C-alpha atoms as a PDB file:
ATOM      1  CA  MET A   1      -0.311   0.011  -0.021  1.00  0.00           C
ATOM      2  CA  SER A   2       2.682   2.327   0.835  1.00  0.00           C
ATOM      3  CA  GLY A   3       4.964   1.486  -2.084  1.00  0.00           C
ATOM      4  CA  GLY A   4       1.493   2.428  -4.125  1.00  0.00           C
ATOM      5  CA  LEU A   5       0.992   5.504  -2.438  1.00  0.00           C
ATOM      6  CA  ILE A   6       4.884   7.209  -3.485  1.00  0.00           C
ATOM      7  CA  VAL A   7       3.998   5.784  -6.875  1.00  0.00           C
ATOM      8  CA  THR A   8       1.176   7.639  -7.224  1.00  0.00           C
ATOM      9  CA  LEU A   9       2.414  10.982  -5.496  1.00  0.00           C
ATOM     10  CA  LEU A  10       5.865  10.764  -6.805  1.00  0.00           C
ATOM     11  CA  ASP A  11       7.857   8.219  -8.809  1.00  0.00           C
ATOM     12  CA  TRP A  12       8.325   4.791  -8.795  1.00  0.00           C
ATOM     13  CA  ARG A  13      11.963   5.014  -8.242  1.00  0.00           C
ATOM     14  CA  TRP A  14      10.895   6.986  -4.887  1.00  0.00           C
ATOM     15  CA  VAL A  15       9.783   3.666  -3.532  1.00  0.00           C
ATOM     16  CA  PHE A  16      13.477   2.085  -3.181  1.00  0.00           C
ATOM     17  CA  PHE A  17      13.741   5.031  -0.570  1.00  0.00           C
ATOM     18  CA  ILE A  18      11.223   4.137   1.754  1.00  0.00           C
ATOM     19  CA  ASN A  19      13.578   1.004   3.181  1.00  0.00           C
ATOM     20  CA  ILE A  20      16.072   3.459   4.585  1.00  0.00           C
ATOM     21  CA  PRO A  21      14.680   5.046   7.421  1.00  0.00           C
ATOM     22  CA  ILE A  22      13.014   1.636   7.821  1.00  0.00           C
ATOM     23  CA  GLY A  23      16.389   0.280   8.210  1.00  0.00           C
ATOM     24  CA  ILE A  24      17.931   3.080  10.596  1.00  0.00           C
ATOM     25  CA  TYR A  25      15.555   2.849  12.709  1.00  0.00           C
ATOM     26  CA  MET A  26      15.568  -1.139  12.756  1.00  0.00           C
ATOM     27  CA  ALA A  27      19.359  -0.849  13.504  1.00  0.00           C
ATOM     28  CA  PHE A  28      18.777   1.510  16.907  1.00  0.00           C
ATOM     29  CA  ILE A  29      16.176  -0.965  18.145  1.00  0.00           C
ATOM     30  CA  VAL A  30      18.694  -3.863  17.793  1.00  0.00           C
ATOM     31  CA  TRP A  31      21.396  -1.810  18.707  1.00  0.00           C
ATOM     32  CA  LYS A  32      19.979  -0.535  21.895  1.00  0.00           C
ATOM     33  CA  ASN A  33      18.008  -3.966  22.955  1.00  0.00           C
ATOM     34  CA  PHE A  34      19.669  -6.796  21.403  1.00  0.00           C
ATOM     35  CA  ASP A  35      22.346  -8.161  24.035  1.00  0.00           C
ATOM     36  CA  LEU A  36      23.097 -11.549  23.041  1.00  0.00           C
ATOM     37  CA  LYS A  37      25.297 -13.448  25.544  1.00  0.00           C
ATOM     38  CA  THR A  38      27.384 -16.389  23.811  1.00  0.00           C
ATOM     39  CA  ASP A  39      30.600 -18.368  24.463  1.00  0.00           C
ATOM     40  CA  HIS A  40      32.730 -17.277  22.257  1.00  0.00           C
ATOM     41  CA  THR A  41      35.128 -19.892  20.403  1.00  0.00           C
ATOM     42  CA  LYS A  42      37.859 -19.783  17.520  1.00  0.00           C
ATOM     43  CA  LYS A  43      36.920 -21.303  14.475  1.00  0.00           C
ATOM     44  CA  SER A  44      38.496 -21.233  11.229  1.00  0.00           C
ATOM     45  CA  ILE A  45      36.229 -19.434   8.228  1.00  0.00           C
ATOM     46  CA  ASP A  46      35.447 -21.364   5.659  1.00  0.00           C
ATOM     47  CA  PHE A  47      36.707 -18.758   3.177  1.00  0.00           C
ATOM     48  CA  ALA A  48      36.902 -21.293  -0.248  1.00  0.00           C
ATOM     49  CA  GLY A  49      33.273 -22.089   0.709  1.00  0.00           C
ATOM     50  CA  SER A  50      31.702 -18.946   1.179  1.00  0.00           C
ATOM     51  CA  THR A  51      33.117 -17.983  -1.818  1.00  0.00           C
ATOM     52  CA  SER A  52      32.920 -20.336  -4.473  1.00  0.00           C
ATOM     53  CA  LEU A  53      29.165 -20.765  -3.240  1.00  0.00           C
ATOM     54  CA  SER A  54      28.895 -16.928  -3.632  1.00  0.00           C
ATOM     55  CA  ILE A  55      29.971 -16.618  -7.111  1.00  0.00           C
ATOM     56  CA  ALA A  56      28.230 -19.543  -8.266  1.00  0.00           C
ATOM     57  CA  VAL A  57      25.044 -18.253  -6.960  1.00  0.00           C
ATOM     58  CA  ILE A  58      24.949 -15.188  -8.244  1.00  0.00           C
ATOM     59  CA  ALA A  59      26.014 -16.395 -12.056  1.00  0.00           C
ATOM     60  CA  ILE A  60      22.787 -18.716 -11.684  1.00  0.00           C
ATOM     61  CA  MET A  61      20.828 -15.616 -10.141  1.00  0.00           C
ATOM     62  CA  LEU A  62      22.296 -13.468 -13.220  1.00  0.00           C
ATOM     63  CA  LEU A  63      21.513 -16.381 -15.773  1.00  0.00           C
ATOM     64  CA  PHE A  64      18.198 -16.800 -14.942  1.00  0.00           C
ATOM     65  CA  GLN A  65      17.426 -12.710 -14.991  1.00  0.00           C
ATOM     66  CA  MET A  66      18.693 -12.346 -18.129  1.00  0.00           C
ATOM     67  CA  MET A  67      17.080 -15.060 -19.828  1.00  0.00           C
ATOM     68  CA  GLY A  68      13.934 -12.947 -19.156  1.00  0.00           C
ATOM     69  CA  ASN A  69      15.116 -10.005 -21.207  1.00  0.00           C
ATOM     70  CA  ALA A  70      13.304  -9.235 -24.338  1.00  0.00           C
ATOM     71  CA  VAL A  71      16.963  -9.448 -26.182  1.00  0.00           C
ATOM     72  CA  ILE A  72      19.042 -13.021 -24.900  1.00  0.00           C
ATOM     73  CA  ASN A  73      22.267 -12.381 -25.151  1.00  0.00           C
ATOM     74  CA  LEU A  74      23.686 -15.774 -25.895  1.00  0.00           C
ATOM     75  CA  PRO A  75      27.197 -16.081 -25.486  1.00  0.00           C
ATOM     76  CA  LEU A  76      26.937 -14.260 -22.012  1.00  0.00           C
ATOM     77  CA  LEU A  77      24.191 -16.953 -21.058  1.00  0.00           C
ATOM     78  CA  LEU A  78      26.102 -19.486 -21.734  1.00  0.00           C
ATOM     79  CA  THR A  79      29.411 -17.770 -19.820  1.00  0.00           C
ATOM     80  CA  LEU A  80      27.667 -17.493 -16.623  1.00  0.00           C
ATOM     81  CA  LEU A  81      26.044 -21.144 -16.984  1.00  0.00           C
ATOM     82  CA  VAL A  82      29.828 -22.327 -17.512  1.00  0.00           C
ATOM     83  CA  VAL A  83      31.145 -20.170 -14.442  1.00  0.00           C
ATOM     84  CA  SER A  84      28.125 -21.075 -11.945  1.00  0.00           C
ATOM     85  CA  PHE A  85      28.974 -24.811 -12.900  1.00  0.00           C
ATOM     86  CA  LEU A  86      32.806 -24.830 -12.283  1.00  0.00           C
ATOM     87  CA  PHE A  87      32.361 -22.569  -8.908  1.00  0.00           C
ATOM     88  CA  PHE A  88      29.457 -25.231  -7.754  1.00  0.00           C
ATOM     89  CA  ILE A  89      31.861 -28.116  -8.403  1.00  0.00           C
ATOM     90  CA  GLY A  90      34.597 -26.142  -6.710  1.00  0.00           C
ATOM     91  CA  PHE A  91      31.866 -25.475  -3.851  1.00  0.00           C
ATOM     92  CA  TYR A  92      31.920 -29.274  -3.517  1.00  0.00           C
ATOM     93  CA  PHE A  93      35.307 -30.297  -3.048  1.00  0.00           C
ATOM     94  CA  ALA A  94      35.754 -26.813  -0.680  1.00  0.00           C
ATOM     95  CA  GLU A  95      33.273 -28.206   1.823  1.00  0.00           C
ATOM     96  CA  LYS A  96      34.494 -31.839   1.750  1.00  0.00           C
ATOM     97  CA  ARG A  97      37.842 -30.299   3.037  1.00  0.00           C
ATOM     98  CA  ALA A  98      36.835 -27.508   5.356  1.00  0.00           C
ATOM     99  CA  VAL A  99      37.261 -27.846   8.613  1.00  0.00           C
ATOM    100  CA  ASP A 100      34.236 -25.682   9.261  1.00  0.00           C
ATOM    101  CA  PRO A 101      32.417 -25.826   6.609  1.00  0.00           C
ATOM    102  CA  ILE A 102      29.874 -23.263   5.639  1.00  0.00           C
ATOM    103  CA  VAL A 103      27.471 -26.051   4.536  1.00  0.00           C
ATOM    104  CA  PRO A 104      27.893 -29.676   5.943  1.00  0.00           C
ATOM    105  CA  LEU A 105      27.332 -31.783   3.388  1.00  0.00           C
ATOM    106  CA  GLU A 106      25.930 -34.172   5.228  1.00  0.00           C
ATOM    107  CA  LEU A 107      22.324 -32.216   5.187  1.00  0.00           C
ATOM    108  CA  PHE A 108      22.323 -33.079   1.633  1.00  0.00           C
ATOM    109  CA  LYS A 109      22.240 -36.552   2.959  1.00  0.00           C
ATOM    110  CA  ASN A 110      18.762 -36.216   4.861  1.00  0.00           C
ATOM    111  CA  PRO A 111      16.313 -36.860   2.592  1.00  0.00           C
ATOM    112  CA  SER A 112      13.496 -35.270   4.887  1.00  0.00           C
ATOM    113  CA  PHE A 113      15.420 -31.758   5.195  1.00  0.00           C
ATOM    114  CA  ILE A 114      15.786 -32.316   1.202  1.00  0.00           C
ATOM    115  CA  ALA A 115      12.141 -32.334   0.809  1.00  0.00           C
ATOM    116  CA  LYS A 116      11.211 -29.409   2.957  1.00  0.00           C
ATOM    117  CA  ASN A 117      13.653 -27.078   1.175  1.00  0.00           C
ATOM    118  CA  ILE A 118      12.168 -28.175  -2.532  1.00  0.00           C
ATOM    119  CA  ILE A 119       8.584 -27.706  -0.953  1.00  0.00           C
ATOM    120  CA  PHE A 120       9.857 -24.266   0.411  1.00  0.00           C
ATOM    121  CA  PHE A 121      11.464 -23.341  -3.041  1.00  0.00           C
ATOM    122  CA  MET A 122       7.864 -24.336  -4.752  1.00  0.00           C
ATOM    123  CA  GLN A 123       6.170 -22.256  -2.488  1.00  0.00           C
ATOM    124  CA  TYR A 124       8.206 -19.167  -2.630  1.00  0.00           C
ATOM    125  CA  GLY A 125       8.015 -18.956  -6.029  1.00  0.00           C
ATOM    126  CA  PHE A 126       4.221 -18.869  -6.245  1.00  0.00           C
ATOM    127  CA  PHE A 127       4.681 -16.398  -3.625  1.00  0.00           C
ATOM    128  CA  GLY A 128       6.943 -14.381  -5.960  1.00  0.00           C
ATOM    129  CA  PHE A 129       4.176 -14.578  -8.184  1.00  0.00           C
ATOM    130  CA  TYR A 130       1.415 -13.053  -6.479  1.00  0.00           C
ATOM    131  CA  THR A 131       3.113 -11.056  -4.782  1.00  0.00           C
ATOM    132  CA  ASN A 132       4.850  -9.204  -8.261  1.00  0.00           C
ATOM    133  CA  TYR A 133       2.263  -9.657 -10.435  1.00  0.00           C
ATOM    134  CA  LEU A 134      -1.269  -9.198  -8.818  1.00  0.00           C
ATOM    135  CA  PRO A 135      -0.976  -5.310  -8.130  1.00  0.00           C
ATOM    136  CA  THR A 136      -0.185  -5.262 -12.045  1.00  0.00           C
ATOM    137  CA  TRP A 137      -3.016  -7.409 -12.799  1.00  0.00           C
ATOM    138  CA  GLY A 138      -5.028  -4.605 -10.816  1.00  0.00           C
ATOM    139  CA  GLN A 139      -3.244  -1.952 -12.306  1.00  0.00           C
ATOM    140  CA  GLY A 140      -2.935  -3.200 -16.297  1.00  0.00           C
ATOM    141  CA  VAL A 141      -5.904  -5.710 -16.295  1.00  0.00           C
ATOM    142  CA  MET A 142      -8.715  -4.026 -14.395  1.00  0.00           C
ATOM    143  CA  GLY A 143      -7.577  -0.154 -14.883  1.00  0.00           C
ATOM    144  CA  ALA A 144      -7.015   0.214 -10.404  1.00  0.00           C
ATOM    145  CA  THR A 145      -4.342   2.985  -9.673  1.00  0.00           C
ATOM    146  CA  ALA A 146      -1.214   2.112  -8.062  1.00  0.00           C
ATOM    147  CA  LEU A 147      -2.462   2.626  -4.953  1.00  0.00           C
ATOM    148  CA  VAL A 148      -5.183   0.252  -5.069  1.00  0.00           C
ATOM    149  CA  GLY A 149      -3.113  -1.897  -6.976  1.00  0.00           C
ATOM    150  CA  GLY A 150      -0.540  -2.373  -3.947  1.00  0.00           C
ATOM    151  CA  MET A 151      -3.658  -2.462  -1.411  1.00  0.00           C
ATOM    152  CA  VAL A 152      -4.602  -6.003  -3.101  1.00  0.00           C
ATOM    153  CA  LEU A 153      -1.694  -7.139  -1.164  1.00  0.00           C
ATOM    154  CA  ILE A 154      -3.177  -6.165   2.423  1.00  0.00           C
ATOM    155  CA  PRO A 155      -5.630  -8.948   2.787  1.00  0.00           C
ATOM    156  CA  SER A 156      -2.164 -11.526   2.183  1.00  0.00           C
ATOM    157  CA  ALA A 157      -0.863  -9.515   4.930  1.00  0.00           C
ATOM    158  CA  ILE A 158      -3.667  -9.866   7.641  1.00  0.00           C
ATOM    159  CA  MET A 159      -4.887 -13.610   7.041  1.00  0.00           C
ATOM    160  CA  LEU A 160      -1.219 -14.468   7.189  1.00  0.00           C
ATOM    161  CA  VAL A 161      -1.097 -13.159  10.367  1.00  0.00           C
ATOM    162  CA  ILE A 162      -3.863 -14.937  11.380  1.00  0.00           C
ATOM    163  CA  GLY A 163      -3.193 -17.887  10.091  1.00  0.00           C
ATOM    164  CA  THR A 164       0.376 -18.536  11.169  1.00  0.00           C
ATOM    165  CA  ARG A 165      -1.630 -17.257  15.104  1.00  0.00           C
ATOM    166  CA  ASN A 166      -3.803 -20.179  14.513  1.00  0.00           C
ATOM    167  CA  VAL A 167      -1.664 -22.987  13.131  1.00  0.00           C
ATOM    168  CA  ASN A 168      -0.723 -24.695  16.338  1.00  0.00           C
ATOM    169  CA  HIS A 169      -4.169 -25.893  16.867  1.00  0.00           C
ATOM    170  CA  LEU A 170      -4.067 -27.779  13.583  1.00  0.00           C
ATOM    171  CA  ILE A 171      -1.014 -29.146  13.913  1.00  0.00           C
ATOM    172  CA  GLN A 172      -1.879 -30.425  17.309  1.00  0.00           C
ATOM    173  CA  LYS A 173      -5.125 -32.094  15.866  1.00  0.00           C
ATOM    174  CA  VAL A 174      -3.533 -33.414  12.870  1.00  0.00           C
ATOM    175  CA  GLY A 175       0.072 -33.321  12.904  1.00  0.00           C
ATOM    176  CA  GLU A 176       2.471 -31.487  10.929  1.00  0.00           C
ATOM    177  CA  LYS A 177       2.608 -33.116   6.966  1.00  0.00           C
ATOM    178  CA  LYS A 178      -1.184 -32.954   7.469  1.00  0.00           C
ATOM    179  CA  THR A 179      -1.074 -29.154   8.006  1.00  0.00           C
ATOM    180  CA  ILE A 180       1.081 -28.659   4.985  1.00  0.00           C
ATOM    181  CA  TYR A 181      -1.688 -30.858   2.864  1.00  0.00           C
ATOM    182  CA  ILE A 182      -3.932 -28.417   4.077  1.00  0.00           C
ATOM    183  CA  GLY A 183      -2.146 -25.079   3.598  1.00  0.00           C
ATOM    184  CA  PHE A 184      -1.230 -26.045   0.116  1.00  0.00           C
ATOM    185  CA  SER A 185      -4.531 -27.134  -0.974  1.00  0.00           C
ATOM    186  CA  ILE A 186      -6.050 -23.970   0.239  1.00  0.00           C
ATOM    187  CA  MET A 187      -3.212 -22.476  -1.849  1.00  0.00           C
ATOM    188  CA  VAL A 188      -4.397 -24.245  -4.692  1.00  0.00           C
ATOM    189  CA  LEU A 189      -7.798 -23.022  -4.449  1.00  0.00           C
ATOM    190  CA  GLY A 190      -6.478 -19.644  -4.560  1.00  0.00           C
ATOM    191  CA  ALA A 191      -4.539 -20.340  -7.840  1.00  0.00           C
ATOM    192  CA  ILE A 192      -7.498 -22.273  -9.261  1.00  0.00           C
ATOM    193  CA  PHE A 193      -9.510 -19.233  -8.120  1.00  0.00           C
ATOM    194  CA  LEU A 194      -6.979 -16.320 -10.108  1.00  0.00           C
ATOM    195  CA  PHE A 195      -7.072 -18.691 -13.265  1.00  0.00           C
ATOM    196  CA  SER A 196     -10.925 -19.257 -13.325  1.00  0.00           C
ATOM    197  CA  LEU A 197     -11.212 -15.241 -13.210  1.00  0.00           C
ATOM    198  CA  PRO A 198     -12.896 -13.801 -16.484  1.00  0.00           C
ATOM    199  CA  GLU A 199     -11.084 -10.628 -18.103  1.00  0.00           C
ATOM    200  CA  HIS A 200     -13.403  -8.091 -16.716  1.00  0.00           C
ATOM    201  CA  ALA A 201     -13.580  -8.984 -13.382  1.00  0.00           C
ATOM    202  CA  SER A 202     -14.106  -6.800 -10.197  1.00  0.00           C
ATOM    203  CA  ILE A 203     -11.000  -5.739  -8.651  1.00  0.00           C
ATOM    204  CA  VAL A 204     -12.259  -7.297  -5.149  1.00  0.00           C
ATOM    205  CA  MET A 205     -11.637 -10.779  -6.827  1.00  0.00           C
ATOM    206  CA  LEU A 206      -8.241  -9.947  -6.479  1.00  0.00           C
ATOM    207  CA  PHE A 207      -8.551  -9.079  -2.609  1.00  0.00           C
ATOM    208  CA  VAL A 208     -10.663 -12.214  -2.392  1.00  0.00           C
ATOM    209  CA  ALA A 209      -7.954 -14.162  -3.662  1.00  0.00           C
ATOM    210  CA  THR A 210      -4.878 -12.857  -1.773  1.00  0.00           C
ATOM    211  CA  ALA A 211      -6.707 -13.520   1.405  1.00  0.00           C
ATOM    212  CA  ILE A 212      -7.693 -17.289   0.482  1.00  0.00           C
ATOM    213  CA  LEU A 213      -3.299 -17.585  -0.299  1.00  0.00           C
ATOM    214  CA  GLY A 214      -2.465 -15.197   2.932  1.00  0.00           C
ATOM    215  CA  THR A 215      -4.401 -17.598   4.925  1.00  0.00           C
ATOM    216  CA  ALA A 216      -2.867 -20.592   3.256  1.00  0.00           C
ATOM    217  CA  PHE A 217       1.189 -19.053   3.651  1.00  0.00           C
ATOM    218  CA  GLY A 218       0.492 -18.434   6.983  1.00  0.00           C
ATOM    219  CA  ILE A 219      -0.611 -22.198   7.765  1.00  0.00           C
ATOM    220  CA  VAL A 220       2.591 -23.586   5.703  1.00  0.00           C
ATOM    221  CA  ASN A 221       5.386 -21.413   6.468  1.00  0.00           C
ATOM    222  CA  ILE A 222       5.909 -21.639  10.361  1.00  0.00           C
ATOM    223  CA  THR A 223       4.754 -25.299  10.031  1.00  0.00           C
ATOM    224  CA  LEU A 224       7.830 -25.679   7.638  1.00  0.00           C
ATOM    225  CA  GLN A 225       9.919 -23.596   8.653  1.00  0.00           C
ATOM    226  CA  VAL A 226       9.967 -25.595  12.572  1.00  0.00           C
ATOM    227  CA  ALA A 227       9.999 -29.016  10.143  1.00  0.00           C
ATOM    228  CA  VAL A 228      13.238 -27.949   8.698  1.00  0.00           C
ATOM    229  CA  GLN A 229      15.297 -27.225  11.674  1.00  0.00           C
ATOM    230  CA  GLU A 230      13.472 -30.274  13.259  1.00  0.00           C
ATOM    231  CA  SER A 231      14.847 -32.152  10.324  1.00  0.00           C
ATOM    232  CA  VAL A 232      18.497 -31.837  11.508  1.00  0.00           C
ATOM    233  CA  ALA A 233      20.419 -32.944  14.095  1.00  0.00           C
ATOM    234  CA  LYS A 234      20.979 -30.170  16.636  1.00  0.00           C
ATOM    235  CA  HIS A 235      24.513 -29.172  15.300  1.00  0.00           C
ATOM    236  CA  LEU A 236      23.358 -28.617  12.025  1.00  0.00           C
ATOM    237  CA  ILE A 237      20.034 -26.148  12.776  1.00  0.00           C
ATOM    238  CA  GLY A 238      22.117 -23.022  12.019  1.00  0.00           C
ATOM    239  CA  ALA A 239      23.398 -24.387   8.991  1.00  0.00           C
ATOM    240  CA  ALA A 240      20.321 -26.093   8.068  1.00  0.00           C
ATOM    241  CA  THR A 241      18.288 -22.568   8.376  1.00  0.00           C
ATOM    242  CA  ALA A 242      20.624 -20.648   6.507  1.00  0.00           C
ATOM    243  CA  VAL A 243      20.455 -22.966   3.516  1.00  0.00           C
ATOM    244  CA  ASN A 244      16.915 -22.915   3.574  1.00  0.00           C
ATOM    245  CA  ALA A 245      16.742 -18.958   3.529  1.00  0.00           C
ATOM    246  CA  LEU A 246      19.096 -19.022   0.311  1.00  0.00           C
ATOM    247  CA  LEU A 247      16.898 -21.539  -1.063  1.00  0.00           C
ATOM    248  CA  ARG A 248      13.910 -19.582  -0.637  1.00  0.00           C
ATOM    249  CA  THR A 249      15.391 -16.515  -2.091  1.00  0.00           C
ATOM    250  CA  MET A 250      16.585 -18.466  -5.202  1.00  0.00           C
ATOM    251  CA  GLY A 251      12.974 -20.157  -5.580  1.00  0.00           C
ATOM    252  CA  THR A 252      11.615 -16.693  -5.466  1.00  0.00           C
ATOM    253  CA  THR A 253      14.151 -15.168  -8.136  1.00  0.00           C
ATOM    254  CA  LEU A 254      14.603 -18.137 -10.738  1.00  0.00           C
ATOM    255  CA  VAL A 255      10.733 -18.814 -10.597  1.00  0.00           C
ATOM    256  CA  LEU A 256      10.303 -14.811 -11.333  1.00  0.00           C
ATOM    257  CA  SER A 257      12.983 -14.881 -13.996  1.00  0.00           C
ATOM    258  CA  GLY A 258      11.276 -18.131 -15.708  1.00  0.00           C
ATOM    259  CA  LEU A 259       7.441 -16.206 -15.307  1.00  0.00           C
ATOM    260  CA  SER A 260       9.199 -12.614 -16.898  1.00  0.00           C
ATOM    261  CA  ILE A 261      10.195 -15.267 -19.669  1.00  0.00           C
ATOM    262  CA  ALA A 262       6.718 -16.860 -20.523  1.00  0.00           C
ATOM    263  CA  LEU A 263       5.049 -13.078 -20.160  1.00  0.00           C
ATOM    264  CA  ASN A 264       7.649 -11.735 -22.607  1.00  0.00           C
ATOM    265  CA  ARG A 265       6.485 -14.718 -24.903  1.00  0.00           C
ATOM    266  CA  THR A 266       2.973 -13.624 -24.915  1.00  0.00           C
ATOM    267  CA  PHE A 267       3.993 -10.171 -25.330  1.00  0.00           C
ATOM    268  CA  THR A 268       5.919 -11.106 -28.452  1.00  0.00           C
ATOM    269  CA  GLU A 269       3.162 -13.611 -29.991  1.00  0.00           C
ATOM    270  CA  ALA A 270       0.726 -10.973 -29.528  1.00  0.00           C
ATOM    271  CA  THR A 271       2.810  -7.732 -31.126  1.00  0.00           C
ATOM    272  CA  ALA A 272       4.092 -10.014 -34.245  1.00  0.00           C
ATOM    273  CA  HIS A 273      -0.458 -10.540 -34.772  1.00  0.00           C
ATOM    274  CA  ASN A 274      -1.006  -7.033 -34.239  1.00  0.00           C
ATOM    275  CA  PRO A 275       2.032  -4.453 -35.172  1.00  0.00           C
ATOM    276  CA  LYS A 276       0.029  -1.965 -33.824  1.00  0.00           C
ATOM    277  CA  LEU A 277       0.760  -3.269 -30.159  1.00  0.00           C
ATOM    278  CA  THR A 278       4.224  -2.736 -29.016  1.00  0.00           C
ATOM    279  CA  THR A 279       6.379  -3.655 -25.717  1.00  0.00           C
ATOM    280  CA  THR A 280       6.738  -0.436 -24.983  1.00  0.00           C
ATOM    281  CA  LEU A 281       2.845   0.272 -25.064  1.00  0.00           C
ATOM    282  CA  LEU A 282       1.961  -3.276 -22.873  1.00  0.00           C
ATOM    283  CA  ASN A 283       4.758  -1.909 -20.140  1.00  0.00           C
ATOM    284  CA  GLN A 284       2.774   1.419 -19.894  1.00  0.00           C
ATOM    285  CA  ILE A 285      -0.581  -0.488 -19.861  1.00  0.00           C
ATOM    286  CA  SER A 286       0.143  -0.704 -16.113  1.00  0.00           C
ATOM    287  CA  ASP A 287       1.530   3.186 -15.632  1.00  0.00           C
ATOM    288  CA  ALA A 288      -1.964   5.198 -14.679  1.00  0.00           C
ATOM    289  CA  LYS A 289       0.111   7.985 -15.808  1.00  0.00           C
ATOM    290  CA  ALA A 290       1.060   6.752 -19.076  1.00  0.00           C
ATOM    291  CA  LEU A 291      -2.305   5.209 -19.910  1.00  0.00           C
ATOM    292  CA  LYS A 292      -3.156   8.821 -20.496  1.00  0.00           C
ATOM    293  CA  ASN A 293      -0.715   8.697 -23.474  1.00  0.00           C
ATOM    294  CA  ILE A 294      -2.047   5.368 -24.980  1.00  0.00           C
ATOM    295  CA  PRO A 295      -4.892   5.597 -27.738  1.00  0.00           C
ATOM    296  CA  VAL A 296      -7.838   4.712 -26.761  1.00  0.00           C
ATOM    297  CA  ASN A 297      -8.255   2.172 -29.244  1.00  0.00           C
ATOM    298  CA  LEU A 298      -5.669   0.205 -28.098  1.00  0.00           C
ATOM    299  CA  ILE A 299      -6.094  -0.087 -24.431  1.00  0.00           C
ATOM    300  CA  ALA A 300      -8.652  -2.934 -24.574  1.00  0.00           C
ATOM    301  CA  PRO A 301      -6.242  -5.212 -26.902  1.00  0.00           C
ATOM    302  CA  LEU A 302      -3.333  -4.536 -24.416  1.00  0.00           C
ATOM    303  CA  ARG A 303      -5.074  -4.981 -21.623  1.00  0.00           C
ATOM    304  CA  HIS A 304      -6.595  -8.672 -23.055  1.00  0.00           C
ATOM    305  CA  THR A 305      -2.815  -9.088 -24.397  1.00  0.00           C
ATOM    306  CA  LEU A 306      -1.937  -8.697 -20.205  1.00  0.00           C
ATOM    307  CA  PHE A 307      -4.925 -10.681 -18.999  1.00  0.00           C
ATOM    308  CA  ASN A 308      -3.632 -13.750 -21.250  1.00  0.00           C
ATOM    309  CA  GLY A 309      -0.230 -13.079 -19.638  1.00  0.00           C
ATOM    310  CA  MET A 310      -1.407 -13.409 -16.283  1.00  0.00           C
ATOM    311  CA  HIS A 311      -3.266 -16.679 -16.828  1.00  0.00           C
ATOM    312  CA  LEU A 312      -0.349 -17.864 -18.026  1.00  0.00           C
ATOM    313  CA  LEU A 313       1.694 -16.877 -15.085  1.00  0.00           C
ATOM    314  CA  ALA A 314      -1.285 -18.603 -12.620  1.00  0.00           C
ATOM    315  CA  LEU A 315      -1.254 -21.629 -14.209  1.00  0.00           C
ATOM    316  CA  ILE A 316       2.700 -22.118 -14.749  1.00  0.00           C
ATOM    317  CA  SER A 317       2.736 -20.903 -10.895  1.00  0.00           C
ATOM    318  CA  GLY A 318      -0.233 -23.087  -9.810  1.00  0.00           C
ATOM    319  CA  LEU A 319       1.726 -26.264 -11.056  1.00  0.00           C
ATOM    320  CA  LEU A 320       4.485 -25.223  -8.796  1.00  0.00           C
ATOM    321  CA  LEU A 321       1.916 -26.129  -5.729  1.00  0.00           C
ATOM    322  CA  PHE A 322       1.034 -29.467  -7.180  1.00  0.00           C
ATOM    323  CA  ILE A 323       4.747 -30.270  -7.092  1.00  0.00           C
ATOM    324  CA  ALA A 324       5.122 -29.181  -3.542  1.00  0.00           C
ATOM    325  CA  LEU A 325       1.992 -31.244  -2.523  1.00  0.00           C
ATOM    326  CA  PHE A 326       3.689 -34.401  -4.419  1.00  0.00           C
ATOM    327  CA  VAL A 327       7.272 -33.955  -2.725  1.00  0.00           C
ATOM    328  CA  ASN A 328       5.301 -33.753   0.784  1.00  0.00           C
ATOM    329  CA  TRP A 329       3.628 -36.928   0.287  1.00  0.00           C
ATOM    330  CA  LEU A 330       7.367 -38.662  -0.608  1.00  0.00           C
ATOM    331  CA  ASP A 331       9.027 -36.930   2.822  1.00  0.00           C
ATOM    332  CA  PRO A 332       9.332 -39.064   5.473  1.00  0.00           C
ATOM    333  CA  TRP A 333       8.725 -36.276   7.849  1.00  0.00           C
ATOM    334  CA  LYS A 334      11.768 -37.821  10.337  1.00  0.00           C
ATOM    335  CA  LYS A 335      12.919 -35.945  13.107  1.00  0.00           C
ATOM    336  CA  GLY A 336      16.802 -35.360  13.201  1.00  0.00           C
ATOM    337  CA  LEU A 337      17.291 -36.859  16.737  1.00  0.00           C
ATOM    338  CA  GLU A 338      15.331 -39.940  15.635  1.00  0.00           C
END
């Protein structure tokens, strides 16, 4: 909502500055109140592992992001692919030799840990879709302002809190694994609801969809986060949590990159069939200010094209949820101390 208000009153570039006062305030709160008492021990730093992992992850994320560009630079993509592969290999051997590895390789011998991280990857891929594209759906297809488009996600935030606060009762009744089934089933219903929306649906329907999805995320997120930590031995909890955080971030970034490729393909096909439509105009249809400069006779076909793109992304993202449900079925759900 705050982002939509800033875009409406100022410009989209100002959205990035909102993090500065928030960051300063949070740093002050931590400095003032956080007092962690620990026993300090000297350990060797895994420079080789951390460096090789960083380069490999940065290369693969850049690769997927650039694949979403309208113009593909194939030599650069191949270079990034080779760099990522080589540094992942280097990371593997660095961790095998490290005295105190940044990512203990024994984590990847744990099928329950791997399964839960795959589920998290799929979940955050879908999360990236609906948090990034539903405001665009509201603005570009339904003609809402940036402020209203930003408000589309408010029900999600509210229901996420409610879902999180009540998930313990569900876990006590049916257990963790069935709770994940329930959460993802609700998420699937939300995805189906989005996919079934007609082109001229009211923006209220997006508010309903995000409320459904927020509830599901509240149920799944905390349950799965605790389950990841419980799936490993106590001395591996820190590393397991860090790996999980990295994979969640990669899930969002990589899936969004894949979705942008699908959306660009939709745009390319539309512009090929109708030369009056351009990628620039398709990008401007979501901007209330730029909309005033678009010829009236092109607004409807532009919105129709964007609607087709949103429907395709909803379908692709929804398939991720079915993969997550299948992986949850395969997951043995063993505790780390068992």
